[in-house]
Amino acid sequence: MINMIVNPRGLSMDAVFAALASLPVISGSAERAAHAIVRAAERRRPELVFTPAAKIGTRLYAVAPAASAHLIAGAARLLPAMSWPPERDVPGAEAARGTGRLLARLTALGDRAGRRTNEPART
């Protein structure tokens, strides 16, 4: 589970975020990102688009900016509502304890990456 501060009443939103952040097409490893950043800096590239999803998004926006804005707005409407301001903050590992096996399976790659980068383990 990604270590983040979450709103206890908005856990469904945080569960969606955690699951998406663990998917290979949506996110990338810290090691690969670091190598890509160093390569881009060495080549004096002013911009780096890292994940396949981000590359698709930038190309879609270049071709059809209004359509991509509508698509993003539609996706935002599909996300669960989150109450604001939060009642109290809890670490992501603590919030994930009661979320069940499905989220644990969806976030397995993110959990493994968290262990590699010494993030607090979910217990």
PDB file of N, CA and C in Angstrom:
ATOM      1  N   MET A   1       0.854  -1.176   0.000  1.00  0.00           N
ATOM      2  CA  MET A   1       0.000   0.000   0.000  1.00  0.00           C
ATOM      3  C   MET A   1       0.888   1.223   0.000  1.00  0.00           C
ATOM      4  N   ILE A   2       0.555   2.159  -0.797  1.00  0.00           N
ATOM      5  CA  ILE A   2       1.281   3.420  -0.841  1.00  0.00           C
ATOM      6  C   ILE A   2       1.079   4.125   0.489  1.00  0.00           C
ATOM      7  N   ASN A   3       2.144   4.661   1.052  1.00  0.00           N
ATOM      8  CA  ASN A   3       2.031   5.372   2.313  1.00  0.00           C
ATOM      9  C   ASN A   3       1.604   6.800   2.036  1.00  0.00           C
ATOM     10  N   MET A   4       0.380   7.142   2.445  1.00  0.00           N
ATOM     11  CA  MET A   4      -0.148   8.479   2.231  1.00  0.00           C
ATOM     12  C   MET A   4      -1.085   8.803   3.379  1.00  0.00           C
ATOM     13  N   ILE A   5      -1.349  10.060   3.576  1.00  0.00           N
ATOM     14  CA  ILE A   5      -2.326  10.460   4.578  1.00  0.00           C
ATOM     15  C   ILE A   5      -3.686  10.481   3.895  1.00  0.00           C
ATOM     16  N   VAL A   6      -4.655   9.831   4.507  1.00  0.00           N
ATOM     17  CA  VAL A   6      -5.978   9.710   3.896  1.00  0.00           C
ATOM     18  C   VAL A   6      -7.046  10.200   4.854  1.00  0.00           C
ATOM     19  N   ASN A   7      -8.193  10.492   4.303  1.00  0.00           N
ATOM     20  CA  ASN A   7      -9.358  10.878   5.071  1.00  0.00           C
ATOM     21  C   ASN A   7     -10.091   9.601   5.462  1.00  0.00           C
ATOM     22  N   PRO A   8     -10.324   9.349   6.759  1.00  0.00           N
ATOM     23  CA  PRO A   8     -10.961   8.085   7.149  1.00  0.00           C
ATOM     24  C   PRO A   8     -12.358   7.890   6.573  1.00  0.00           C
ATOM     25  N   ARG A   9     -13.115   8.979   6.333  1.00  0.00           N
ATOM     26  CA  ARG A   9     -14.451   8.822   5.759  1.00  0.00           C
ATOM     27  C   ARG A   9     -14.407   8.705   4.245  1.00  0.00           C
ATOM     28  N   GLY A  10     -13.275   8.972   3.619  1.00  0.00           N
ATOM     29  CA  GLY A  10     -13.179   8.912   2.174  1.00  0.00           C
ATOM     30  C   GLY A  10     -12.321   7.753   1.718  1.00  0.00           C
ATOM     31  N   LEU A  11     -12.345   6.659   2.448  1.00  0.00           N
ATOM     32  CA  LEU A  11     -11.454   5.549   2.128  1.00  0.00           C
ATOM     33  C   LEU A  11     -11.725   4.947   0.760  1.00  0.00           C
ATOM     34  N   SER A  12     -12.955   5.028   0.272  1.00  0.00           N
ATOM     35  CA  SER A  12     -13.212   4.445  -1.044  1.00  0.00           C
ATOM     36  C   SER A  12     -12.420   5.199  -2.119  1.00  0.00           C
ATOM     37  N   MET A  13     -12.320   6.518  -2.004  1.00  0.00           N
ATOM     38  CA  MET A  13     -11.517   7.311  -2.935  1.00  0.00           C
ATOM     39  C   MET A  13     -10.046   6.921  -2.828  1.00  0.00           C
ATOM     40  N   ASP A  14      -9.579   6.736  -1.614  1.00  0.00           N
ATOM     41  CA  ASP A  14      -8.188   6.367  -1.422  1.00  0.00           C
ATOM     42  C   ASP A  14      -7.905   4.947  -1.907  1.00  0.00           C
ATOM     43  N   ALA A  15      -8.894   4.072  -1.787  1.00  0.00           N
ATOM     44  CA  ALA A  15      -8.734   2.717  -2.297  1.00  0.00           C
ATOM     45  C   ALA A  15      -8.621   2.734  -3.823  1.00  0.00           C
ATOM     46  N   VAL A  16      -9.426   3.574  -4.478  1.00  0.00           N
ATOM     47  CA  VAL A  16      -9.339   3.712  -5.933  1.00  0.00           C
ATOM     48  C   VAL A  16      -7.954   4.225  -6.314  1.00  0.00           C
ATOM     49  N   PHE A  17      -7.494   5.261  -5.626  1.00  0.00           N
ATOM     50  CA  PHE A  17      -6.177   5.815  -5.909  1.00  0.00           C
ATOM     51  C   PHE A  17      -5.076   4.777  -5.707  1.00  0.00           C
ATOM     52  N   ALA A  18      -5.127   4.046  -4.597  1.00  0.00           N
ATOM     53  CA  ALA A  18      -4.100   3.045  -4.310  1.00  0.00           C
ATOM     54  C   ALA A  18      -4.076   1.953  -5.370  1.00  0.00           C
ATOM     55  N   ALA A  19      -5.260   1.511  -5.790  1.00  0.00           N
ATOM     56  CA  ALA A  19      -5.316   0.460  -6.814  1.00  0.00           C
ATOM     57  C   ALA A  19      -4.759   0.964  -8.140  1.00  0.00           C
ATOM     58  N   LEU A  20      -5.162   2.171  -8.553  1.00  0.00           N
ATOM     59  CA  LEU A  20      -4.669   2.709  -9.821  1.00  0.00           C
ATOM     60  C   LEU A  20      -3.171   2.993  -9.771  1.00  0.00           C
ATOM     61  N   ALA A  21      -2.684   3.456  -8.632  1.00  0.00           N
ATOM     62  CA  ALA A  21      -1.266   3.780  -8.507  1.00  0.00           C
ATOM     63  C   ALA A  21      -0.391   2.537  -8.530  1.00  0.00           C
ATOM     64  N   SER A  22      -0.987   1.367  -8.372  1.00  0.00           N
ATOM     65  CA  SER A  22      -0.220   0.128  -8.380  1.00  0.00           C
ATOM     66  C   SER A  22      -0.225  -0.568  -9.738  1.00  0.00           C
ATOM     67  N   LEU A  23      -0.993  -0.071 -10.680  1.00  0.00           N
ATOM     68  CA  LEU A  23      -1.070  -0.725 -11.986  1.00  0.00           C
ATOM     69  C   LEU A  23       0.108  -0.329 -12.871  1.00  0.00           C
ATOM     70  N   PRO A  24       0.729  -1.287 -13.543  1.00  0.00           N
ATOM     71  CA  PRO A  24       1.941  -1.012 -14.328  1.00  0.00           C
ATOM     72  C   PRO A  24       1.766   0.015 -15.446  1.00  0.00           C
ATOM     73  N   VAL A  25       0.644   0.080 -16.113  1.00  0.00           N
ATOM     74  CA  VAL A  25       0.461   1.023 -17.220  1.00  0.00           C
ATOM     75  C   VAL A  25       0.260   2.445 -16.690  1.00  0.00           C
ATOM     76  N   ILE A  26      -0.299   2.563 -15.499  1.00  0.00           N
ATOM     77  CA  ILE A  26      -0.603   3.862 -14.900  1.00  0.00           C
ATOM     78  C   ILE A  26       0.603   4.427 -14.158  1.00  0.00           C
ATOM     79  N   SER A  27       1.350   3.573 -13.500  1.00  0.00           N
ATOM     80  CA  SER A  27       2.479   4.042 -12.688  1.00  0.00           C
ATOM     81  C   SER A  27       3.765   3.355 -13.134  1.00  0.00           C
ATOM     82  N   GLY A  28       4.869   3.814 -12.591  1.00  0.00           N
ATOM     83  CA  GLY A  28       6.168   3.223 -12.911  1.00  0.00           C
ATOM     84  C   GLY A  28       7.002   3.090 -11.653  1.00  0.00           C
ATOM     85  N   SER A  29       8.008   2.274 -11.715  1.00  0.00           N
ATOM     86  CA  SER A  29       8.844   2.064 -10.536  1.00  0.00           C
ATOM     87  C   SER A  29       9.720   3.284 -10.267  1.00  0.00           C
ATOM     88  N   ALA A  30      10.058   3.460  -9.005  1.00  0.00           N
ATOM     89  CA  ALA A  30      10.927   4.576  -8.618  1.00  0.00           C
ATOM     90  C   ALA A  30      12.290   4.456  -9.291  1.00  0.00           C
ATOM     91  N   GLU A  31      12.781   3.233  -9.422  1.00  0.00           N
ATOM     92  CA  GLU A  31      14.088   3.023 -10.042  1.00  0.00           C
ATOM     93  C   GLU A  31      14.069   3.444 -11.520  1.00  0.00           C
ATOM     94  N   ARG A  32      13.035   3.012 -12.241  1.00  0.00           N
ATOM     95  CA  ARG A  32      12.934   3.373 -13.660  1.00  0.00           C
ATOM     96  C   ARG A  32      12.735   4.871 -13.835  1.00  0.00           C
ATOM     97  N   ALA A  33      11.946   5.458 -12.953  1.00  0.00           N
ATOM     98  CA  ALA A  33      11.718   6.900 -13.024  1.00  0.00           C
ATOM     99  C   ALA A  33      13.019   7.658 -12.783  1.00  0.00           C
ATOM    100  N   ALA A  34      13.791   7.226 -11.805  1.00  0.00           N
ATOM    101  CA  ALA A  34      15.061   7.901 -11.514  1.00  0.00           C
ATOM    102  C   ALA A  34      16.007   7.809 -12.706  1.00  0.00           C
ATOM    103  N   HIS A  35      16.103   6.630 -13.319  1.00  0.00           N
ATOM    104  CA  HIS A  35      16.968   6.471 -14.496  1.00  0.00           C
ATOM    105  C   HIS A  35      16.486   7.351 -15.651  1.00  0.00           C
ATOM    106  N   ALA A  36      15.168   7.401 -15.858  1.00  0.00           N
ATOM    107  CA  ALA A  36      14.623   8.222 -16.943  1.00  0.00           C
ATOM    108  C   ALA A  36      14.882   9.707 -16.701  1.00  0.00           C
ATOM    109  N   ILE A  37      14.775  10.139 -15.460  1.00  0.00           N
ATOM    110  CA  ILE A  37      15.024  11.540 -15.128  1.00  0.00           C
ATOM    111  C   ILE A  37      16.484  11.898 -15.365  1.00  0.00           C
ATOM    112  N   VAL A  38      17.388  11.028 -14.937  1.00  0.00           N
ATOM    113  CA  VAL A  38      18.819  11.284 -15.141  1.00  0.00           C
ATOM    114  C   VAL A  38      19.140  11.312 -16.633  1.00  0.00           C
ATOM    115  N   ARG A  39      18.605  10.354 -17.398  1.00  0.00           N
ATOM    116  CA  ARG A  39      18.832  10.334 -18.849  1.00  0.00           C
ATOM    117  C   ARG A  39      18.320  11.609 -19.511  1.00  0.00           C
ATOM    118  N   ALA A  40      17.120  12.033 -19.107  1.00  0.00           N
ATOM    119  CA  ALA A  40      16.546  13.253 -19.694  1.00  0.00           C
ATOM    120  C   ALA A  40      17.401  14.466 -19.349  1.00  0.00           C
ATOM    121  N   ALA A  41      17.908  14.515 -18.136  1.00  0.00           N
ATOM    122  CA  ALA A  41      18.767  15.641 -17.740  1.00  0.00           C
ATOM    123  C   ALA A  41      20.078  15.624 -18.517  1.00  0.00           C
ATOM    124  N   GLU A  42      20.662  14.439 -18.686  1.00  0.00           N
ATOM    125  CA  GLU A  42      21.917  14.332 -19.444  1.00  0.00           C
ATOM    126  C   GLU A  42      21.728  14.757 -20.898  1.00  0.00           C
ATOM    127  N   ARG A  43      20.564  14.464 -21.439  1.00  0.00           N
ATOM    128  CA  ARG A  43      20.275  14.821 -22.838  1.00  0.00           C
ATOM    129  C   ARG A  43      19.671  16.218 -22.965  1.00  0.00           C
ATOM    130  N   ARG A  44      19.587  16.920 -21.846  1.00  0.00           N
ATOM    131  CA  ARG A  44      19.049  18.287 -21.781  1.00  0.00           C
ATOM    132  C   ARG A  44      17.626  18.366 -22.333  1.00  0.00           C
ATOM    133  N   ARG A  45      16.850  17.345 -22.051  1.00  0.00           N
ATOM    134  CA  ARG A  45      15.442  17.348 -22.456  1.00  0.00           C
ATOM    135  C   ARG A  45      14.640  18.114 -21.404  1.00  0.00           C
ATOM    136  N   PRO A  46      13.880  19.110 -21.795  1.00  0.00           N
ATOM    137  CA  PRO A  46      13.146  19.917 -20.817  1.00  0.00           C
ATOM    138  C   PRO A  46      11.894  19.246 -20.270  1.00  0.00           C
ATOM    139  N   GLU A  47      11.479  18.153 -20.900  1.00  0.00           N
ATOM    140  CA  GLU A  47      10.229  17.512 -20.497  1.00  0.00           C
ATOM    141  C   GLU A  47      10.407  16.006 -20.560  1.00  0.00           C
ATOM    142  N   LEU A  48       9.780  15.302 -19.605  1.00  0.00           N
ATOM    143  CA  LEU A  48       9.821  13.850 -19.591  1.00  0.00           C
ATOM    144  C   LEU A  48       8.416  13.338 -19.303  1.00  0.00           C
ATOM    145  N   VAL A  49       7.890  12.519 -20.180  1.00  0.00           N
ATOM    146  CA  VAL A  49       6.604  11.855 -19.958  1.00  0.00           C
ATOM    147  C   VAL A  49       6.939  10.396 -19.714  1.00  0.00           C
ATOM    148  N   PHE A  50       6.620   9.921 -18.514  1.00  0.00           N
ATOM    149  CA  PHE A  50       7.183   8.647 -18.064  1.00  0.00           C
ATOM    150  C   PHE A  50       6.321   7.423 -18.348  1.00  0.00           C
ATOM    151  N   THR A  51       5.072   7.416 -17.932  1.00  0.00           N
ATOM    152  CA  THR A  51       4.276   6.190 -18.037  1.00  0.00           C
ATOM    153  C   THR A  51       3.553   6.096 -19.377  1.00  0.00           C
ATOM    154  N   PRO A  52       3.199   4.889 -19.794  1.00  0.00           N
ATOM    155  CA  PRO A  52       2.439   4.739 -21.035  1.00  0.00           C
ATOM    156  C   PRO A  52       1.113   5.508 -21.006  1.00  0.00           C
ATOM    157  N   ALA A  53       0.430   5.510 -19.867  1.00  0.00           N
ATOM    158  CA  ALA A  53      -0.842   6.238 -19.771  1.00  0.00           C
ATOM    159  C   ALA A  53      -0.617   7.736 -19.957  1.00  0.00           C
ATOM    160  N   ALA A  54       0.463   8.261 -19.392  1.00  0.00           N
ATOM    161  CA  ALA A  54       0.761   9.689 -19.550  1.00  0.00           C
ATOM    162  C   ALA A  54       1.119  10.011 -20.999  1.00  0.00           C
ATOM    163  N   LYS A  55       1.818   9.109 -21.665  1.00  0.00           N
ATOM    164  CA  LYS A  55       2.165   9.322 -23.070  1.00  0.00           C
ATOM    165  C   LYS A  55       0.904   9.353 -23.935  1.00  0.00           C
ATOM    166  N   ILE A  56      -0.011   8.451 -23.667  1.00  0.00           N
ATOM    167  CA  ILE A  56      -1.281   8.438 -24.405  1.00  0.00           C
ATOM    168  C   ILE A  56      -2.036   9.738 -24.132  1.00  0.00           C
ATOM    169  N   GLY A  57      -2.061  10.154 -22.878  1.00  0.00           N
ATOM    170  CA  GLY A  57      -2.764  11.379 -22.511  1.00  0.00           C
ATOM    171  C   GLY A  57      -2.193  12.619 -23.176  1.00  0.00           C
ATOM    172  N   THR A  58      -0.864  12.729 -23.235  1.00  0.00           N
ATOM    173  CA  THR A  58      -0.264  13.908 -23.868  1.00  0.00           C
ATOM    174  C   THR A  58      -0.531  13.909 -25.366  1.00  0.00           C
ATOM    175  N   ARG A  59      -0.504  12.740 -25.997  1.00  0.00           N
ATOM    176  CA  ARG A  59      -0.790  12.675 -27.430  1.00  0.00           C
ATOM    177  C   ARG A  59      -2.255  12.984 -27.716  1.00  0.00           C
ATOM    178  N   LEU A  60      -3.147  12.468 -26.873  1.00  0.00           N
ATOM    179  CA  LEU A  60      -4.569  12.765 -27.041  1.00  0.00           C
ATOM    180  C   LEU A  60      -4.815  14.262 -26.883  1.00  0.00           C
ATOM    181  N   TYR A  61      -4.189  14.873 -25.885  1.00  0.00           N
ATOM    182  CA  TYR A  61      -4.375  16.312 -25.673  1.00  0.00           C
ATOM    183  C   TYR A  61      -3.822  17.119 -26.847  1.00  0.00           C
ATOM    184  N   ALA A  62      -2.714  16.667 -27.426  1.00  0.00           N
ATOM    185  CA  ALA A  62      -2.134  17.388 -28.566  1.00  0.00           C
ATOM    186  C   ALA A  62      -3.061  17.344 -29.775  1.00  0.00           C
ATOM    187  N   VAL A  63      -3.756  16.228 -29.955  1.00  0.00           N
ATOM    188  CA  VAL A  63      -4.633  16.060 -31.112  1.00  0.00           C
ATOM    189  C   VAL A  63      -6.013  16.663 -30.862  1.00  0.00           C
ATOM    190  N   ALA A  64      -6.536  16.466 -29.660  1.00  0.00           N
ATOM    191  CA  ALA A  64      -7.908  16.905 -29.362  1.00  0.00           C
ATOM    192  C   ALA A  64      -7.991  17.441 -27.930  1.00  0.00           C
ATOM    193  N   PRO A  65      -7.567  18.675 -27.711  1.00  0.00           N
ATOM    194  CA  PRO A  65      -7.542  19.202 -26.344  1.00  0.00           C
ATOM    195  C   PRO A  65      -8.923  19.276 -25.685  1.00  0.00           C
ATOM    196  N   ALA A  66      -9.949  19.697 -26.409  1.00  0.00           N
ATOM    197  CA  ALA A  66     -11.281  19.803 -25.809  1.00  0.00           C
ATOM    198  C   ALA A  66     -11.828  18.422 -25.456  1.00  0.00           C
ATOM    199  N   ALA A  67     -11.649  17.467 -26.359  1.00  0.00           N
ATOM    200  CA  ALA A  67     -12.135  16.109 -26.094  1.00  0.00           C
ATOM    201  C   ALA A  67     -11.413  15.494 -24.897  1.00  0.00           C
ATOM    202  N   SER A  68     -10.106  15.715 -24.786  1.00  0.00           N
ATOM    203  CA  SER A  68      -9.375  15.155 -23.655  1.00  0.00           C
ATOM    204  C   SER A  68      -9.804  15.821 -22.348  1.00  0.00           C
ATOM    205  N   ALA A  69     -10.120  17.117 -22.375  1.00  0.00           N
ATOM    206  CA  ALA A  69     -10.611  17.798 -21.172  1.00  0.00           C
ATOM    207  C   ALA A  69     -11.958  17.222 -20.748  1.00  0.00           C
ATOM    208  N   HIS A  70     -12.837  16.948 -21.707  1.00  0.00           N
ATOM    209  CA  HIS A  70     -14.136  16.346 -21.395  1.00  0.00           C
ATOM    210  C   HIS A  70     -13.960  14.930 -20.852  1.00  0.00           C
ATOM    211  N   LEU A  71     -13.027  14.181 -21.407  1.00  0.00           N
ATOM    212  CA  LEU A  71     -12.751  12.825 -20.936  1.00  0.00           C
ATOM    213  C   LEU A  71     -12.257  12.841 -19.490  1.00  0.00           C
ATOM    214  N   ILE A  72     -11.351  13.749 -19.173  1.00  0.00           N
ATOM    215  CA  ILE A  72     -10.834  13.857 -17.806  1.00  0.00           C
ATOM    216  C   ILE A  72     -11.943  14.278 -16.848  1.00  0.00           C
ATOM    217  N   ALA A  73     -12.769  15.219 -17.259  1.00  0.00           N
ATOM    218  CA  ALA A  73     -13.884  15.657 -16.420  1.00  0.00           C
ATOM    219  C   ALA A  73     -14.858  14.504 -16.171  1.00  0.00           C
ATOM    220  N   GLY A  74     -15.122  13.713 -17.193  1.00  0.00           N
ATOM    221  CA  GLY A  74     -15.995  12.552 -17.033  1.00  0.00           C
ATOM    222  C   GLY A  74     -15.406  11.522 -16.091  1.00  0.00           C
ATOM    223  N   ALA A  75     -14.115  11.286 -16.208  1.00  0.00           N
ATOM    224  CA  ALA A  75     -13.452  10.343 -15.304  1.00  0.00           C
ATOM    225  C   ALA A  75     -13.498  10.857 -13.867  1.00  0.00           C
ATOM    226  N   ALA A  76     -13.344  12.147 -13.682  1.00  0.00           N
ATOM    227  CA  ALA A  76     -13.393  12.727 -12.334  1.00  0.00           C
ATOM    228  C   ALA A  76     -14.773  12.553 -11.718  1.00  0.00           C
ATOM    229  N   ARG A  77     -15.824  12.642 -12.535  1.00  0.00           N
ATOM    230  CA  ARG A  77     -17.182  12.446 -12.019  1.00  0.00           C
ATOM    231  C   ARG A  77     -17.430  11.005 -11.591  1.00  0.00           C
ATOM    232  N   LEU A  78     -16.690  10.059 -12.158  1.00  0.00           N
ATOM    233  CA  LEU A  78     -16.855   8.654 -11.782  1.00  0.00           C
ATOM    234  C   LEU A  78     -16.198   8.308 -10.453  1.00  0.00           C
ATOM    235  N   LEU A  79     -15.253   9.127 -10.021  1.00  0.00           N
ATOM    236  CA  LEU A  79     -14.560   8.850  -8.767  1.00  0.00           C
ATOM    237  C   LEU A  79     -15.496   9.062  -7.585  1.00  0.00           C
ATOM    238  N   PRO A  80     -15.322   8.269  -6.526  1.00  0.00           N
ATOM    239  CA  PRO A  80     -16.168   8.460  -5.339  1.00  0.00           C
ATOM    240  C   PRO A  80     -15.919   9.824  -4.704  1.00  0.00           C
ATOM    241  N   ALA A  81     -16.961  10.386  -4.107  1.00  0.00           N
ATOM    242  CA  ALA A  81     -16.832  11.686  -3.447  1.00  0.00           C
ATOM    243  C   ALA A  81     -16.007  11.540  -2.171  1.00  0.00           C
ATOM    244  N   MET A  82     -15.269  12.582  -1.843  1.00  0.00           N
ATOM    245  CA  MET A  82     -14.458  12.579  -0.629  1.00  0.00           C
ATOM    246  C   MET A  82     -14.864  13.775   0.208  1.00  0.00           C
ATOM    247  N   SER A  83     -15.110  13.531   1.477  1.00  0.00           N
ATOM    248  CA  SER A  83     -15.503  14.638   2.344  1.00  0.00           C
ATOM    249  C   SER A  83     -14.298  15.530   2.622  1.00  0.00           C
ATOM    250  N   TRP A  84     -14.562  16.809   2.732  1.00  0.00           N
ATOM    251  CA  TRP A  84     -13.475  17.750   2.982  1.00  0.00           C
ATOM    252  C   TRP A  84     -13.996  18.841   3.895  1.00  0.00           C
ATOM    253  N   PRO A  85     -13.296  19.287   4.874  1.00  0.00           N
ATOM    254  CA  PRO A  85     -11.972  18.844   5.292  1.00  0.00           C
ATOM    255  C   PRO A  85     -12.058  17.510   6.022  1.00  0.00           C
ATOM    256  N   PRO A  86     -10.953  16.772   6.054  1.00  0.00           N
ATOM    257  CA  PRO A  86     -10.974  15.475   6.727  1.00  0.00           C
ATOM    258  C   PRO A  86     -11.209  15.631   8.222  1.00  0.00           C
ATOM    259  N   GLU A  87     -11.916  14.648   8.773  1.00  0.00           N
ATOM    260  CA  GLU A  87     -12.175  14.629  10.207  1.00  0.00           C
ATOM    261  C   GLU A  87     -10.867  14.453  10.968  1.00  0.00           C
ATOM    262  N   ARG A  88     -10.061  13.536  10.525  1.00  0.00           N
ATOM    263  CA  ARG A  88      -8.715  13.316  11.060  1.00  0.00           C
ATOM    264  C   ARG A  88      -7.930  12.550   9.998  1.00  0.00           C
ATOM    265  N   ASP A  89      -6.628  12.680  10.011  1.00  0.00           N
ATOM    266  CA  ASP A  89      -5.788  11.985   9.039  1.00  0.00           C
ATOM    267  C   ASP A  89      -5.228  10.711   9.658  1.00  0.00           C
ATOM    268  N   VAL A  90      -5.148   9.678   8.828  1.00  0.00           N
ATOM    269  CA  VAL A  90      -4.513   8.429   9.247  1.00  0.00           C
ATOM    270  C   VAL A  90      -3.550   8.006   8.147  1.00  0.00           C
ATOM    271  N   PRO A  91      -2.442   7.344   8.505  1.00  0.00           N
ATOM    272  CA  PRO A  91      -1.524   6.851   7.464  1.00  0.00           C
ATOM    273  C   PRO A  91      -2.219   5.830   6.563  1.00  0.00           C
ATOM    274  N   GLY A  92      -1.799   5.768   5.312  1.00  0.00           N
ATOM    275  CA  GLY A  92      -2.401   4.851   4.354  1.00  0.00           C
ATOM    276  C   GLY A  92      -2.331   3.399   4.792  1.00  0.00           C
ATOM    277  N   ALA A  93      -1.218   3.000   5.422  1.00  0.00           N
ATOM    278  CA  ALA A  93      -1.087   1.619   5.879  1.00  0.00           C
ATOM    279  C   ALA A  93      -2.149   1.293   6.919  1.00  0.00           C
ATOM    280  N   GLU A  94      -2.442   2.233   7.804  1.00  0.00           N
ATOM    281  CA  GLU A  94      -3.474   2.029   8.825  1.00  0.00           C
ATOM    282  C   GLU A  94      -4.856   1.972   8.186  1.00  0.00           C
ATOM    283  N   ALA A  95      -5.118   2.829   7.235  1.00  0.00           N
ATOM    284  CA  ALA A  95      -6.422   2.873   6.577  1.00  0.00           C
ATOM    285  C   ALA A  95      -6.686   1.613   5.774  1.00  0.00           C
ATOM    286  N   ALA A  96      -5.649   0.973   5.274  1.00  0.00           N
ATOM    287  CA  ALA A  96      -5.809  -0.196   4.411  1.00  0.00           C
ATOM    288  C   ALA A  96      -6.138  -1.463   5.186  1.00  0.00           C
ATOM    289  N   ARG A  97      -6.003  -1.436   6.486  1.00  0.00           N
ATOM    290  CA  ARG A  97      -6.197  -2.662   7.270  1.00  0.00           C
ATOM    291  C   ARG A  97      -7.577  -3.282   7.076  1.00  0.00           C
ATOM    292  N   GLY A  98      -8.614  -2.501   6.954  1.00  0.00           N
ATOM    293  CA  GLY A  98      -9.954  -3.064   6.853  1.00  0.00           C
ATOM    294  C   GLY A  98     -10.532  -3.067   5.454  1.00  0.00           C
ATOM    295  N   THR A  99      -9.719  -2.987   4.429  1.00  0.00           N
ATOM    296  CA  THR A  99     -10.257  -2.842   3.077  1.00  0.00           C
ATOM    297  C   THR A  99     -10.502  -4.162   2.353  1.00  0.00           C
ATOM    298  N   GLY A 100     -10.021  -5.255   2.866  1.00  0.00           N
ATOM    299  CA  GLY A 100     -10.328  -6.540   2.258  1.00  0.00           C
ATOM    300  C   GLY A 100      -9.271  -7.061   1.296  1.00  0.00           C
ATOM    301  N   ARG A 101      -9.532  -8.276   0.808  1.00  0.00           N
ATOM    302  CA  ARG A 101      -8.556  -8.994  -0.011  1.00  0.00           C
ATOM    303  C   ARG A 101      -8.447  -8.449  -1.428  1.00  0.00           C
ATOM    304  N   LEU A 102      -9.536  -7.943  -1.974  1.00  0.00           N
ATOM    305  CA  LEU A 102      -9.496  -7.447  -3.350  1.00  0.00           C
ATOM    306  C   LEU A 102      -8.508  -6.292  -3.476  1.00  0.00           C
ATOM    307  N   LEU A 103      -8.596  -5.325  -2.572  1.00  0.00           N
ATOM    308  CA  LEU A 103      -7.662  -4.203  -2.626  1.00  0.00           C
ATOM    309  C   LEU A 103      -6.233  -4.682  -2.396  1.00  0.00           C
ATOM    310  N   ALA A 104      -6.053  -5.648  -1.506  1.00  0.00           N
ATOM    311  CA  ALA A 104      -4.712  -6.182  -1.259  1.00  0.00           C
ATOM    312  C   ALA A 104      -4.126  -6.794  -2.534  1.00  0.00           C
ATOM    313  N   ARG A 105      -4.960  -7.473  -3.298  1.00  0.00           N
ATOM    314  CA  ARG A 105      -4.468  -8.059  -4.561  1.00  0.00           C
ATOM    315  C   ARG A 105      -4.196  -6.986  -5.611  1.00  0.00           C
ATOM    316  N   LEU A 106      -5.056  -5.969  -5.666  1.00  0.00           N
ATOM    317  CA  LEU A 106      -4.866  -4.904  -6.651  1.00  0.00           C
ATOM    318  C   LEU A 106      -3.631  -4.056  -6.351  1.00  0.00           C
ATOM    319  N   THR A 107      -3.276  -3.971  -5.082  1.00  0.00           N
ATOM    320  CA  THR A 107      -2.145  -3.122  -4.701  1.00  0.00           C
ATOM    321  C   THR A 107      -0.873  -3.923  -4.423  1.00  0.00           C
ATOM    322  N   ALA A 108      -0.841  -5.197  -4.810  1.00  0.00           N
ATOM    323  CA  ALA A 108       0.313  -6.039  -4.510  1.00  0.00           C
ATOM    324  C   ALA A 108       1.614  -5.474  -5.095  1.00  0.00           C
ATOM    325  N   LEU A 109       1.572  -4.976  -6.327  1.00  0.00           N
ATOM    326  CA  LEU A 109       2.793  -4.418  -6.921  1.00  0.00           C
ATOM    327  C   LEU A 109       3.236  -3.159  -6.182  1.00  0.00           C
ATOM    328  N   GLY A 110       2.284  -2.327  -5.779  1.00  0.00           N
ATOM    329  CA  GLY A 110       2.610  -1.134  -5.011  1.00  0.00           C
ATOM    330  C   GLY A 110       3.168  -1.481  -3.641  1.00  0.00           C
ATOM    331  N   ASP A 111       2.620  -2.533  -3.021  1.00  0.00           N
ATOM    332  CA  ASP A 111       3.138  -2.981  -1.724  1.00  0.00           C
ATOM    333  C   ASP A 111       4.588  -3.450  -1.864  1.00  0.00           C
ATOM    334  N   ARG A 112       4.856  -4.207  -2.914  1.00  0.00           N
ATOM    335  CA  ARG A 112       6.218  -4.700  -3.140  1.00  0.00           C
ATOM    336  C   ARG A 112       7.183  -3.533  -3.363  1.00  0.00           C
ATOM    337  N   ALA A 113       6.759  -2.553  -4.134  1.00  0.00           N
ATOM    338  CA  ALA A 113       7.592  -1.372  -4.368  1.00  0.00           C
ATOM    339  C   ALA A 113       7.808  -0.613  -3.068  1.00  0.00           C
ATOM    340  N   GLY A 114       6.784  -0.531  -2.230  1.00  0.00           N
ATOM    341  CA  GLY A 114       6.919   0.133  -0.944  1.00  0.00           C
ATOM    342  C   GLY A 114       7.941  -0.542  -0.050  1.00  0.00           C
ATOM    343  N   ARG A 115       7.973  -1.864  -0.068  1.00  0.00           N
ATOM    344  CA  ARG A 115       8.991  -2.583   0.729  1.00  0.00           C
ATOM    345  C   ARG A 115      10.391  -2.294   0.205  1.00  0.00           C
ATOM    346  N   ARG A 116      10.536  -2.214  -1.132  1.00  0.00           N
ATOM    347  CA  ARG A 116      11.856  -1.916  -1.703  1.00  0.00           C
ATOM    348  C   ARG A 116      12.346  -0.519  -1.325  1.00  0.00           C
ATOM    349  N   THR A 117      11.399   0.417  -1.169  1.00  0.00           N
ATOM    350  CA  THR A 117      11.793   1.783  -0.854  1.00  0.00           C
ATOM    351  C   THR A 117      11.600   2.130   0.627  1.00  0.00           C
ATOM    352  N   ASN A 118      11.491   1.092   1.460  1.00  0.00           N
ATOM    353  CA  ASN A 118      11.420   1.227   2.916  1.00  0.00           C
ATOM    354  C   ASN A 118      10.218   2.018   3.414  1.00  0.00           C
ATOM    355  N   GLU A 119       9.095   1.907   2.734  1.00  0.00           N
ATOM    356  CA  GLU A 119       7.879   2.533   3.243  1.00  0.00           C
ATOM    357  C   GLU A 119       7.291   1.632   4.326  1.00  0.00           C
ATOM    358  N   PRO A 120       6.544   2.202   5.277  1.00  0.00           N
ATOM    359  CA  PRO A 120       5.956   1.391   6.346  1.00  0.00           C
ATOM    360  C   PRO A 120       5.068   0.298   5.774  1.00  0.00           C
ATOM    361  N   ALA A 121       5.198  -0.888   6.335  1.00  0.00           N
ATOM    362  CA  ALA A 121       4.441  -2.037   5.848  1.00  0.00           C
ATOM    363  C   ALA A 121       3.012  -1.993   6.370  1.00  0.00           C
ATOM    364  N   ARG A 122       2.143  -2.581   5.579  1.00  0.00           N
ATOM    365  CA  ARG A 122       0.738  -2.722   5.992  1.00  0.00           C
ATOM    366  C   ARG A 122       0.670  -3.907   6.949  1.00  0.00           C
ATOM    367  N   THR A 123       0.091  -3.705   8.104  1.00  0.00           N
ATOM    368  CA  THR A 123      -0.016  -4.806   9.065  1.00  0.00           C
ATOM    369  C   THR A 123      -1.443  -5.045   9.478  1.00  0.00           C
TER     370      THR A 123
END
